[in-house]
Amino acid sequence: MNIKELRYYHDLVIQKNFSKVATHFGVAQPTITMAIQRLERELGAPLFIRSQSHHDLTVTASGLQFDQHVQTILRELEVAHQELSRAKQERIRFGLPPIIGNYFFPAYTPALLAAGLLQRLEVEDHGSRELTKMLAHGIIDMALLGSLAPLQQDSFSTQVITRAPIQIIVAPDHPLATRTTGVSFQDLKKEPFITLANEYVHAQAFHQVSRAAGVRPKVVFKTHDVHVLKTLVAKNSGISFLTTLALEPQDHLVALPLLDLGAPEFIISVATRANRLLSPYGQELWGLLADEHD
């Protein structure tokens, strides 16, 4: 069994036609036929049910099960190629979600610059959900990720760096602004909300809190831009739900703690693939971000 045979096999599962697979790989049809026969002999199980003409195929249950393993092998091989290529270039593909990139990561840049690491970063800025997928598929090497609970994924190595509450934010002249000891979500059922778009962790937190409180909040506007959200709240266009990490004095906003049991917090972790062998530069970056928080 070799990689080329596995590629033939996976394509045949998709195409279900020997001649199409042969054309796709630029080989003679008997090459594909013999490769599949070798796999079936080695595995001791039929992988396809062939029609009389051998043109149309049905994948057996064993064949479908084997294809799941083949896909994993081919995917891991592709990830290995990507990681080795980046290691040669001494570059680090680094995932950075918008809120973390704008309000948390800048504190690290002096140390990264002094260590010669800042210029080695190729930053991918997406929401944490998308970056998690990219990390799992080996598209990026490392990421800072936002979550509502510590990340628990067997395929990742992670370290929590910091936590910050997610609170209700209002304009200073809003009637709720004096309730600095906190509010319950039930108190807000008639308030117009301005929220972040679904790719933000905040959307998940907002859904959890409203469901737990039995409230169907009135969302008047959704945005991808944290700055726009804060500006609209400051102008009393509505209230919002935001981590205190993203608040700055110049925003002129009031943050109110949520009194509900299990009020969410915004957790920032650094993460990489568990089976990823970090380059020396990657190890140094991990150390700067994670080790001091152990």
C-alpha atoms as a PDB file:
ATOM      1  CA  MET A   1       0.000   0.000   0.000  1.00  0.00           C
ATOM      2  CA  ASN A   2       1.428   3.388  -0.961  1.00  0.00           C
ATOM      3  CA  ILE A   3       0.231   6.988  -1.020  1.00  0.00           C
ATOM      4  CA  LYS A   4      -0.401   6.992  -4.757  1.00  0.00           C
ATOM      5  CA  GLU A   5      -2.688   3.974  -4.415  1.00  0.00           C
ATOM      6  CA  LEU A   6      -4.569   5.700  -1.615  1.00  0.00           C
ATOM      7  CA  ARG A   7      -5.087   8.766  -3.790  1.00  0.00           C
ATOM      8  CA  TYR A   8      -6.405   6.564  -6.599  1.00  0.00           C
ATOM      9  CA  TYR A   9      -8.691   4.820  -4.148  1.00  0.00           C
ATOM     10  CA  HIS A  10     -10.203   7.967  -2.624  1.00  0.00           C
ATOM     11  CA  ASP A  11     -10.843   9.472  -6.043  1.00  0.00           C
ATOM     12  CA  LEU A  12     -12.500   6.236  -7.166  1.00  0.00           C
ATOM     13  CA  VAL A  13     -14.823   6.376  -4.150  1.00  0.00           C
ATOM     14  CA  ILE A  14     -15.882   9.837  -5.311  1.00  0.00           C
ATOM     15  CA  GLN A  15     -16.002   9.228  -9.084  1.00  0.00           C
ATOM     16  CA  LYS A  16     -17.144   5.575  -9.038  1.00  0.00           C
ATOM     17  CA  ASN A  17     -15.652   5.190 -12.497  1.00  0.00           C
ATOM     18  CA  PHE A  18     -12.252   3.703 -13.420  1.00  0.00           C
ATOM     19  CA  SER A  19     -11.779   5.640 -16.656  1.00  0.00           C
ATOM     20  CA  LYS A  20     -12.529   9.007 -15.016  1.00  0.00           C
ATOM     21  CA  VAL A  21      -9.993   8.333 -12.272  1.00  0.00           C
ATOM     22  CA  ALA A  22      -7.388   7.229 -14.815  1.00  0.00           C
ATOM     23  CA  THR A  23      -7.952  10.422 -16.808  1.00  0.00           C
ATOM     24  CA  HIS A  24      -7.735  12.548 -13.665  1.00  0.00           C
ATOM     25  CA  PHE A  25      -4.317  11.124 -12.761  1.00  0.00           C
ATOM     26  CA  GLY A  26      -3.066  10.816 -16.344  1.00  0.00           C
ATOM     27  CA  VAL A  27      -2.476   7.059 -16.185  1.00  0.00           C
ATOM     28  CA  ALA A  28      -3.819   4.015 -18.030  1.00  0.00           C
ATOM     29  CA  GLN A  29      -6.998   2.460 -16.673  1.00  0.00           C
ATOM     30  CA  PRO A  30      -5.286  -0.887 -15.831  1.00  0.00           C
ATOM     31  CA  THR A  31      -3.018   1.057 -13.441  1.00  0.00           C
ATOM     32  CA  ILE A  32      -6.055   2.036 -11.372  1.00  0.00           C
ATOM     33  CA  THR A  33      -7.596  -1.436 -11.604  1.00  0.00           C
ATOM     34  CA  MET A  34      -4.417  -3.170 -10.403  1.00  0.00           C
ATOM     35  CA  ALA A  35      -3.945  -0.654  -7.566  1.00  0.00           C
ATOM     36  CA  ILE A  36      -7.455  -1.354  -6.261  1.00  0.00           C
ATOM     37  CA  GLN A  37      -6.947  -5.112  -6.572  1.00  0.00           C
ATOM     38  CA  ARG A  38      -3.717  -4.851  -4.550  1.00  0.00           C
ATOM     39  CA  LEU A  39      -5.536  -2.922  -1.819  1.00  0.00           C
ATOM     40  CA  GLU A  40      -8.339  -5.481  -1.680  1.00  0.00           C
ATOM     41  CA  ARG A  41      -5.856  -8.360  -1.421  1.00  0.00           C
ATOM     42  CA  GLU A  42      -3.883  -6.602   1.293  1.00  0.00           C
ATOM     43  CA  LEU A  43      -6.983  -5.705   3.311  1.00  0.00           C
ATOM     44  CA  GLY A  44      -8.693  -9.028   2.695  1.00  0.00           C
ATOM     45  CA  ALA A  45     -12.027  -7.367   1.966  1.00  0.00           C
ATOM     46  CA  PRO A  46     -13.949  -6.254  -1.133  1.00  0.00           C
ATOM     47  CA  LEU A  47     -13.971  -2.472  -1.421  1.00  0.00           C
ATOM     48  CA  PHE A  48     -16.217  -2.125  -4.470  1.00  0.00           C
ATOM     49  CA  ILE A  49     -19.015  -4.041  -6.153  1.00  0.00           C
ATOM     50  CA  ARG A  50     -18.297  -3.911  -9.871  1.00  0.00           C
ATOM     51  CA  SER A  51     -20.908  -3.855 -12.621  1.00  0.00           C
ATOM     52  CA  GLN A  52     -20.616  -6.199 -15.609  1.00  0.00           C
ATOM     53  CA  SER A  53     -18.854  -3.498 -17.637  1.00  0.00           C
ATOM     54  CA  HIS A  54     -16.535  -2.421 -14.761  1.00  0.00           C
ATOM     55  CA  HIS A  55     -17.475   1.176 -15.540  1.00  0.00           C
ATOM     56  CA  ASP A  56     -19.909   1.730 -12.656  1.00  0.00           C
ATOM     57  CA  LEU A  57     -19.093   0.887  -9.067  1.00  0.00           C
ATOM     58  CA  THR A  58     -20.800   0.679  -5.706  1.00  0.00           C
ATOM     59  CA  VAL A  59     -18.648   1.223  -2.634  1.00  0.00           C
ATOM     60  CA  THR A  60     -19.053  -1.529  -0.030  1.00  0.00           C
ATOM     61  CA  ALA A  61     -19.485  -0.846   3.694  1.00  0.00           C
ATOM     62  CA  SER A  62     -15.852  -1.931   4.181  1.00  0.00           C
ATOM     63  CA  GLY A  63     -14.855   0.400   1.367  1.00  0.00           C
ATOM     64  CA  LEU A  64     -16.575   3.380   2.991  1.00  0.00           C
ATOM     65  CA  GLN A  65     -14.973   2.607   6.335  1.00  0.00           C
ATOM     66  CA  PHE A  66     -11.550   2.309   4.735  1.00  0.00           C
ATOM     67  CA  ASP A  67     -12.071   5.614   2.910  1.00  0.00           C
ATOM     68  CA  GLN A  68     -12.515   7.402   6.250  1.00  0.00           C
ATOM     69  CA  HIS A  69      -9.015   6.265   7.215  1.00  0.00           C
ATOM     70  CA  VAL A  70      -7.654   7.150   3.776  1.00  0.00           C
ATOM     71  CA  GLN A  71      -9.001  10.689   4.068  1.00  0.00           C
ATOM     72  CA  THR A  72      -7.322  11.073   7.461  1.00  0.00           C
ATOM     73  CA  ILE A  73      -3.994   9.812   6.060  1.00  0.00           C
ATOM     74  CA  LEU A  74      -4.130  12.116   3.033  1.00  0.00           C
ATOM     75  CA  ARG A  75      -5.165  15.095   5.158  1.00  0.00           C
ATOM     76  CA  GLU A  76      -2.353  14.502   7.661  1.00  0.00           C
ATOM     77  CA  LEU A  77       0.129  14.149   4.810  1.00  0.00           C
ATOM     78  CA  GLU A  78      -0.987  17.486   3.389  1.00  0.00           C
ATOM     79  CA  VAL A  79      -0.669  19.086   6.820  1.00  0.00           C
ATOM     80  CA  ALA A  80       2.850  17.650   7.168  1.00  0.00           C
ATOM     81  CA  HIS A  81       3.851  19.140   3.805  1.00  0.00           C
ATOM     82  CA  GLN A  82       2.491  22.542   4.841  1.00  0.00           C
ATOM     83  CA  GLU A  83       4.190  22.497   8.234  1.00  0.00           C
ATOM     84  CA  LEU A  84       7.571  21.407   6.850  1.00  0.00           C
ATOM     85  CA  SER A  85       7.371  24.044   4.131  1.00  0.00           C
ATOM     86  CA  ARG A  86       6.712  26.785   6.694  1.00  0.00           C
ATOM     87  CA  ALA A  87       9.474  25.444   8.964  1.00  0.00           C
ATOM     88  CA  LYS A  88      11.965  25.844   6.110  1.00  0.00           C
ATOM     89  CA  GLN A  89      10.820  29.427   5.587  1.00  0.00           C
ATOM     90  CA  GLU A  90      11.062  30.129   9.335  1.00  0.00           C
ATOM     91  CA  ARG A  91       7.578  31.666   9.233  1.00  0.00           C
ATOM     92  CA  ILE A  92       4.710  31.146  11.695  1.00  0.00           C
ATOM     93  CA  ARG A  93       1.124  31.209  10.432  1.00  0.00           C
ATOM     94  CA  PHE A  94      -0.614  32.796  13.409  1.00  0.00           C
ATOM     95  CA  GLY A  95      -4.368  33.079  14.030  1.00  0.00           C
ATOM     96  CA  LEU A  96      -5.634  36.246  15.689  1.00  0.00           C
ATOM     97  CA  PRO A  97      -9.354  36.999  16.218  1.00  0.00           C
ATOM     98  CA  PRO A  98     -10.404  40.671  15.928  1.00  0.00           C
ATOM     99  CA  ILE A  99     -11.077  41.485  19.598  1.00  0.00           C
ATOM    100  CA  ILE A 100      -7.962  39.671  20.812  1.00  0.00           C
ATOM    101  CA  GLY A 101      -5.873  41.245  18.048  1.00  0.00           C
ATOM    102  CA  ASN A 102      -7.048  44.774  18.766  1.00  0.00           C
ATOM    103  CA  TYR A 103      -7.280  44.837  22.546  1.00  0.00           C
ATOM    104  CA  PHE A 104      -5.054  42.076  23.974  1.00  0.00           C
ATOM    105  CA  PHE A 105      -2.248  41.125  21.604  1.00  0.00           C
ATOM    106  CA  PRO A 106      -0.627  44.608  21.318  1.00  0.00           C
ATOM    107  CA  ALA A 107       0.711  44.272  24.877  1.00  0.00           C
ATOM    108  CA  TYR A 108       2.955  41.443  23.626  1.00  0.00           C
ATOM    109  CA  THR A 109       4.361  43.200  20.578  1.00  0.00           C
ATOM    110  CA  PRO A 110       7.354  44.897  22.297  1.00  0.00           C
ATOM    111  CA  ALA A 111       8.595  41.521  23.606  1.00  0.00           C
ATOM    112  CA  LEU A 112       7.930  39.831  20.247  1.00  0.00           C
ATOM    113  CA  LEU A 113       9.779  42.579  18.415  1.00  0.00           C
ATOM    114  CA  ALA A 114      12.742  42.369  20.792  1.00  0.00           C
ATOM    115  CA  ALA A 115      12.885  38.580  20.296  1.00  0.00           C
ATOM    116  CA  GLY A 116      12.793  38.923  16.495  1.00  0.00           C
ATOM    117  CA  LEU A 117       9.474  37.069  16.333  1.00  0.00           C
ATOM    118  CA  LEU A 118       7.039  39.772  15.249  1.00  0.00           C
ATOM    119  CA  GLN A 119       8.390  39.890  11.705  1.00  0.00           C
ATOM    120  CA  ARG A 120       8.099  36.093  11.400  1.00  0.00           C
ATOM    121  CA  LEU A 121       4.336  36.073  11.967  1.00  0.00           C
ATOM    122  CA  GLU A 122       1.936  35.656   9.065  1.00  0.00           C
ATOM    123  CA  VAL A 123      -1.299  36.723  10.712  1.00  0.00           C
ATOM    124  CA  GLU A 124      -4.694  35.278   9.812  1.00  0.00           C
ATOM    125  CA  ASP A 125      -7.455  37.376  11.347  1.00  0.00           C
ATOM    126  CA  HIS A 126     -10.754  35.530  11.559  1.00  0.00           C
ATOM    127  CA  GLY A 127     -13.233  34.660  14.281  1.00  0.00           C
ATOM    128  CA  SER A 128     -12.194  32.010  16.808  1.00  0.00           C
ATOM    129  CA  ARG A 129     -14.560  29.441  15.285  1.00  0.00           C
ATOM    130  CA  GLU A 130     -12.942  29.722  11.844  1.00  0.00           C
ATOM    131  CA  LEU A 131      -9.416  29.799  13.290  1.00  0.00           C
ATOM    132  CA  THR A 132     -10.133  26.600  15.234  1.00  0.00           C
ATOM    133  CA  LYS A 133     -10.982  24.865  11.952  1.00  0.00           C
ATOM    134  CA  MET A 134      -7.863  26.284  10.279  1.00  0.00           C
ATOM    135  CA  LEU A 135      -5.705  25.055  13.159  1.00  0.00           C
ATOM    136  CA  ALA A 136      -7.237  21.570  13.003  1.00  0.00           C
ATOM    137  CA  HIS A 137      -6.518  21.358   9.261  1.00  0.00           C
ATOM    138  CA  GLY A 138      -2.924  22.587   9.607  1.00  0.00           C
ATOM    139  CA  ILE A 139      -3.548  25.824   7.709  1.00  0.00           C
ATOM    140  CA  ILE A 140      -2.139  27.817  10.626  1.00  0.00           C
ATOM    141  CA  ASP A 141       0.534  26.835  13.154  1.00  0.00           C
ATOM    142  CA  MET A 142      -0.717  28.549  16.281  1.00  0.00           C
ATOM    143  CA  ALA A 143      -3.555  30.820  17.389  1.00  0.00           C
ATOM    144  CA  LEU A 144      -4.932  32.894  20.182  1.00  0.00           C
ATOM    145  CA  LEU A 145      -8.543  31.778  20.579  1.00  0.00           C
ATOM    146  CA  GLY A 146     -11.519  33.163  22.465  1.00  0.00           C
ATOM    147  CA  SER A 147     -13.955  30.781  24.152  1.00  0.00           C
ATOM    148  CA  LEU A 148     -16.542  30.583  26.927  1.00  0.00           C
ATOM    149  CA  ALA A 149     -14.863  27.586  28.604  1.00  0.00           C
ATOM    150  CA  PRO A 150     -11.281  26.278  28.584  1.00  0.00           C
ATOM    151  CA  LEU A 151     -10.605  24.531  25.278  1.00  0.00           C
ATOM    152  CA  GLN A 152     -10.786  20.756  25.559  1.00  0.00           C
ATOM    153  CA  GLN A 153      -9.900  19.174  22.253  1.00  0.00           C
ATOM    154  CA  ASP A 154      -7.661  16.106  22.112  1.00  0.00           C
ATOM    155  CA  SER A 155      -6.059  17.231  18.867  1.00  0.00           C
ATOM    156  CA  PHE A 156      -4.900  20.562  20.414  1.00  0.00           C
ATOM    157  CA  SER A 157      -2.328  21.625  22.971  1.00  0.00           C
ATOM    158  CA  THR A 158      -3.723  24.672  24.775  1.00  0.00           C
ATOM    159  CA  GLN A 159      -2.945  27.046  27.616  1.00  0.00           C
ATOM    160  CA  VAL A 160      -5.368  29.551  29.127  1.00  0.00           C
ATOM    161  CA  ILE A 161      -3.754  32.996  29.181  1.00  0.00           C
ATOM    162  CA  THR A 162      -6.415  35.240  30.697  1.00  0.00           C
ATOM    163  CA  ARG A 163     -10.106  35.596  31.480  1.00  0.00           C
ATOM    164  CA  ALA A 164     -12.355  38.655  31.375  1.00  0.00           C
ATOM    165  CA  PRO A 165     -16.053  39.029  32.208  1.00  0.00           C
ATOM    166  CA  ILE A 166     -18.644  39.647  29.508  1.00  0.00           C
ATOM    167  CA  GLN A 167     -20.884  42.444  30.757  1.00  0.00           C
ATOM    168  CA  ILE A 168     -23.763  44.680  29.713  1.00  0.00           C
ATOM    169  CA  ILE A 169     -22.531  47.995  28.321  1.00  0.00           C
ATOM    170  CA  VAL A 170     -24.600  51.174  28.221  1.00  0.00           C
ATOM    171  CA  ALA A 171     -24.117  54.874  27.574  1.00  0.00           C
ATOM    172  CA  PRO A 172     -23.319  57.022  30.659  1.00  0.00           C
ATOM    173  CA  ASP A 173     -26.697  58.776  30.410  1.00  0.00           C
ATOM    174  CA  HIS A 174     -28.701  55.558  30.007  1.00  0.00           C
ATOM    175  CA  PRO A 175     -31.199  54.883  32.847  1.00  0.00           C
ATOM    176  CA  LEU A 176     -29.374  51.629  33.694  1.00  0.00           C
ATOM    177  CA  ALA A 177     -25.979  53.337  34.039  1.00  0.00           C
ATOM    178  CA  THR A 178     -26.436  53.930  37.775  1.00  0.00           C
ATOM    179  CA  ARG A 179     -26.868  50.216  38.490  1.00  0.00           C
ATOM    180  CA  THR A 180     -23.143  49.611  38.784  1.00  0.00           C
ATOM    181  CA  THR A 181     -23.598  46.678  41.180  1.00  0.00           C
ATOM    182  CA  GLY A 182     -25.130  44.729  38.323  1.00  0.00           C
ATOM    183  CA  VAL A 183     -28.283  43.767  36.443  1.00  0.00           C
ATOM    184  CA  SER A 184     -30.057  40.516  35.685  1.00  0.00           C
ATOM    185  CA  PHE A 185     -30.876  39.573  32.114  1.00  0.00           C
ATOM    186  CA  GLN A 186     -34.576  39.574  33.031  1.00  0.00           C
ATOM    187  CA  ASP A 187     -34.237  43.318  33.670  1.00  0.00           C
ATOM    188  CA  LEU A 188     -33.228  43.795  30.027  1.00  0.00           C
ATOM    189  CA  LYS A 189     -36.070  42.048  28.208  1.00  0.00           C
ATOM    190  CA  LYS A 190     -37.467  45.313  26.835  1.00  0.00           C
ATOM    191  CA  GLU A 191     -34.116  46.874  25.964  1.00  0.00           C
ATOM    192  CA  PRO A 192     -32.931  47.209  22.334  1.00  0.00           C
ATOM    193  CA  PHE A 193     -29.672  45.283  21.851  1.00  0.00           C
ATOM    194  CA  ILE A 194     -26.808  45.929  19.465  1.00  0.00           C
ATOM    195  CA  THR A 195     -24.834  42.693  19.123  1.00  0.00           C
ATOM    196  CA  LEU A 196     -21.791  41.260  17.422  1.00  0.00           C
ATOM    197  CA  ALA A 197     -22.224  38.989  14.397  1.00  0.00           C
ATOM    198  CA  ASN A 198     -22.427  35.220  14.720  1.00  0.00           C
ATOM    199  CA  GLU A 199     -18.724  34.493  14.114  1.00  0.00           C
ATOM    200  CA  TYR A 200     -17.912  36.080  17.481  1.00  0.00           C
ATOM    201  CA  VAL A 201     -17.912  34.029  20.686  1.00  0.00           C
ATOM    202  CA  HIS A 202     -20.170  36.763  22.080  1.00  0.00           C
ATOM    203  CA  ALA A 203     -23.051  35.549  19.901  1.00  0.00           C
ATOM    204  CA  GLN A 204     -22.875  32.127  21.564  1.00  0.00           C
ATOM    205  CA  ALA A 205     -22.680  33.718  25.023  1.00  0.00           C
ATOM    206  CA  PHE A 206     -25.637  36.005  24.262  1.00  0.00           C
ATOM    207  CA  HIS A 207     -27.726  33.031  23.170  1.00  0.00           C
ATOM    208  CA  GLN A 208     -26.817  31.034  26.289  1.00  0.00           C
ATOM    209  CA  VAL A 209     -27.651  33.852  28.699  1.00  0.00           C
ATOM    210  CA  SER A 210     -30.940  34.793  27.046  1.00  0.00           C
ATOM    211  CA  ARG A 211     -32.045  31.148  26.909  1.00  0.00           C
ATOM    212  CA  ALA A 212     -31.147  30.551  30.569  1.00  0.00           C
ATOM    213  CA  ALA A 213     -33.098  33.675  31.564  1.00  0.00           C
ATOM    214  CA  GLY A 214     -36.080  32.710  29.426  1.00  0.00           C
ATOM    215  CA  VAL A 215     -35.830  36.019  27.581  1.00  0.00           C
ATOM    216  CA  ARG A 216     -36.168  36.683  23.874  1.00  0.00           C
ATOM    217  CA  PRO A 217     -34.054  39.851  23.568  1.00  0.00           C
ATOM    218  CA  LYS A 218     -34.869  42.558  21.066  1.00  0.00           C
ATOM    219  CA  VAL A 219     -31.866  42.749  18.707  1.00  0.00           C
ATOM    220  CA  VAL A 220     -32.095  45.913  16.602  1.00  0.00           C
ATOM    221  CA  PHE A 221     -28.676  45.741  14.931  1.00  0.00           C
ATOM    222  CA  LYS A 222     -25.836  43.261  14.367  1.00  0.00           C
ATOM    223  CA  THR A 223     -22.327  44.254  13.358  1.00  0.00           C
ATOM    224  CA  HIS A 224     -18.947  42.672  12.595  1.00  0.00           C
ATOM    225  CA  ASP A 225     -17.163  45.777  13.912  1.00  0.00           C
ATOM    226  CA  VAL A 226     -16.569  46.221  17.652  1.00  0.00           C
ATOM    227  CA  HIS A 227     -15.814  49.925  17.193  1.00  0.00           C
ATOM    228  CA  VAL A 228     -19.159  50.469  15.435  1.00  0.00           C
ATOM    229  CA  LEU A 229     -20.938  48.599  18.230  1.00  0.00           C
ATOM    230  CA  LYS A 230     -19.350  50.747  20.927  1.00  0.00           C
ATOM    231  CA  THR A 231     -20.061  53.969  19.030  1.00  0.00           C
ATOM    232  CA  LEU A 232     -23.743  53.100  18.624  1.00  0.00           C
ATOM    233  CA  VAL A 233     -24.074  52.223  22.309  1.00  0.00           C
ATOM    234  CA  ALA A 234     -22.342  55.478  23.302  1.00  0.00           C
ATOM    235  CA  LYS A 235     -24.953  57.336  21.226  1.00  0.00           C
ATOM    236  CA  ASN A 236     -27.736  55.529  23.112  1.00  0.00           C
ATOM    237  CA  SER A 237     -28.897  53.591  20.065  1.00  0.00           C
ATOM    238  CA  GLY A 238     -29.144  50.500  22.250  1.00  0.00           C
ATOM    239  CA  ILE A 239     -27.264  48.469  24.847  1.00  0.00           C
ATOM    240  CA  SER A 240     -24.845  45.618  24.244  1.00  0.00           C
ATOM    241  CA  PHE A 241     -23.050  42.587  25.644  1.00  0.00           C
ATOM    242  CA  LEU A 242     -19.262  42.780  25.454  1.00  0.00           C
ATOM    243  CA  THR A 243     -16.141  41.574  27.213  1.00  0.00           C
ATOM    244  CA  THR A 244     -14.526  44.207  29.397  1.00  0.00           C
ATOM    245  CA  LEU A 245     -11.288  43.363  27.585  1.00  0.00           C
ATOM    246  CA  ALA A 246     -12.547  45.429  24.625  1.00  0.00           C
ATOM    247  CA  LEU A 247     -13.427  48.511  26.680  1.00  0.00           C
ATOM    248  CA  GLU A 248     -11.160  51.543  26.856  1.00  0.00           C
ATOM    249  CA  PRO A 249     -11.534  54.801  28.846  1.00  0.00           C
ATOM    250  CA  GLN A 250     -12.052  56.834  25.675  1.00  0.00           C
ATOM    251  CA  ASP A 251     -15.126  54.742  24.818  1.00  0.00           C
ATOM    252  CA  HIS A 252     -17.142  56.585  27.490  1.00  0.00           C
ATOM    253  CA  LEU A 253     -19.245  53.536  28.269  1.00  0.00           C
ATOM    254  CA  VAL A 254     -20.484  51.990  31.508  1.00  0.00           C
ATOM    255  CA  ALA A 255     -20.067  48.239  32.083  1.00  0.00           C
ATOM    256  CA  LEU A 256     -22.642  46.515  34.290  1.00  0.00           C
ATOM    257  CA  PRO A 257     -21.941  43.053  35.743  1.00  0.00           C
ATOM    258  CA  LEU A 258     -24.506  40.349  34.996  1.00  0.00           C
ATOM    259  CA  LEU A 259     -25.995  38.952  38.201  1.00  0.00           C
ATOM    260  CA  ASP A 260     -27.321  35.799  36.533  1.00  0.00           C
ATOM    261  CA  LEU A 261     -25.908  32.501  37.803  1.00  0.00           C
ATOM    262  CA  GLY A 262     -23.159  31.287  35.481  1.00  0.00           C
ATOM    263  CA  ALA A 263     -22.652  34.644  33.777  1.00  0.00           C
ATOM    264  CA  PRO A 264     -20.185  34.008  30.938  1.00  0.00           C
ATOM    265  CA  GLU A 265     -16.586  35.062  30.767  1.00  0.00           C
ATOM    266  CA  PHE A 266     -14.308  35.557  27.783  1.00  0.00           C
ATOM    267  CA  ILE A 267     -11.375  33.135  27.963  1.00  0.00           C
ATOM    268  CA  ILE A 268      -8.249  33.625  25.861  1.00  0.00           C
ATOM    269  CA  SER A 269      -6.032  30.610  25.164  1.00  0.00           C
ATOM    270  CA  VAL A 270      -3.019  29.958  22.998  1.00  0.00           C
ATOM    271  CA  ALA A 271      -3.393  26.773  20.970  1.00  0.00           C
ATOM    272  CA  THR A 272      -1.488  24.590  18.529  1.00  0.00           C
ATOM    273  CA  ARG A 273      -1.995  21.089  17.133  1.00  0.00           C
ATOM    274  CA  ALA A 274      -1.083  18.426  19.686  1.00  0.00           C
ATOM    275  CA  ASN A 275       1.053  16.499  17.193  1.00  0.00           C
ATOM    276  CA  ARG A 276       2.673  19.648  15.800  1.00  0.00           C
ATOM    277  CA  LEU A 277       6.435  19.782  16.354  1.00  0.00           C
ATOM    278  CA  LEU A 278       7.038  23.497  16.779  1.00  0.00           C
ATOM    279  CA  SER A 279      10.065  25.101  15.175  1.00  0.00           C
ATOM    280  CA  PRO A 280      12.524  26.894  17.495  1.00  0.00           C
ATOM    281  CA  TYR A 281      10.777  30.174  16.652  1.00  0.00           C
ATOM    282  CA  GLY A 282       7.392  28.568  17.325  1.00  0.00           C
ATOM    283  CA  GLN A 283       8.599  27.272  20.688  1.00  0.00           C
ATOM    284  CA  GLU A 284       9.853  30.735  21.601  1.00  0.00           C
ATOM    285  CA  LEU A 285       6.517  32.287  20.623  1.00  0.00           C
ATOM    286  CA  TRP A 286       4.626  29.718  22.691  1.00  0.00           C
ATOM    287  CA  GLY A 287       6.902  30.480  25.631  1.00  0.00           C
ATOM    288  CA  LEU A 288       6.264  34.208  25.422  1.00  0.00           C
ATOM    289  CA  LEU A 289       2.504  33.741  25.235  1.00  0.00           C
ATOM    290  CA  ALA A 290       1.908  30.789  27.550  1.00  0.00           C
ATOM    291  CA  ASP A 291       4.721  29.885  29.917  1.00  0.00           C
ATOM    292  CA  GLU A 292       4.457  32.922  32.160  1.00  0.00           C
ATOM    293  CA  HIS A 293       0.820  32.005  32.817  1.00  0.00           C
ATOM    294  CA  ASP A 294       1.484  28.421  33.963  1.00  0.00           C
END
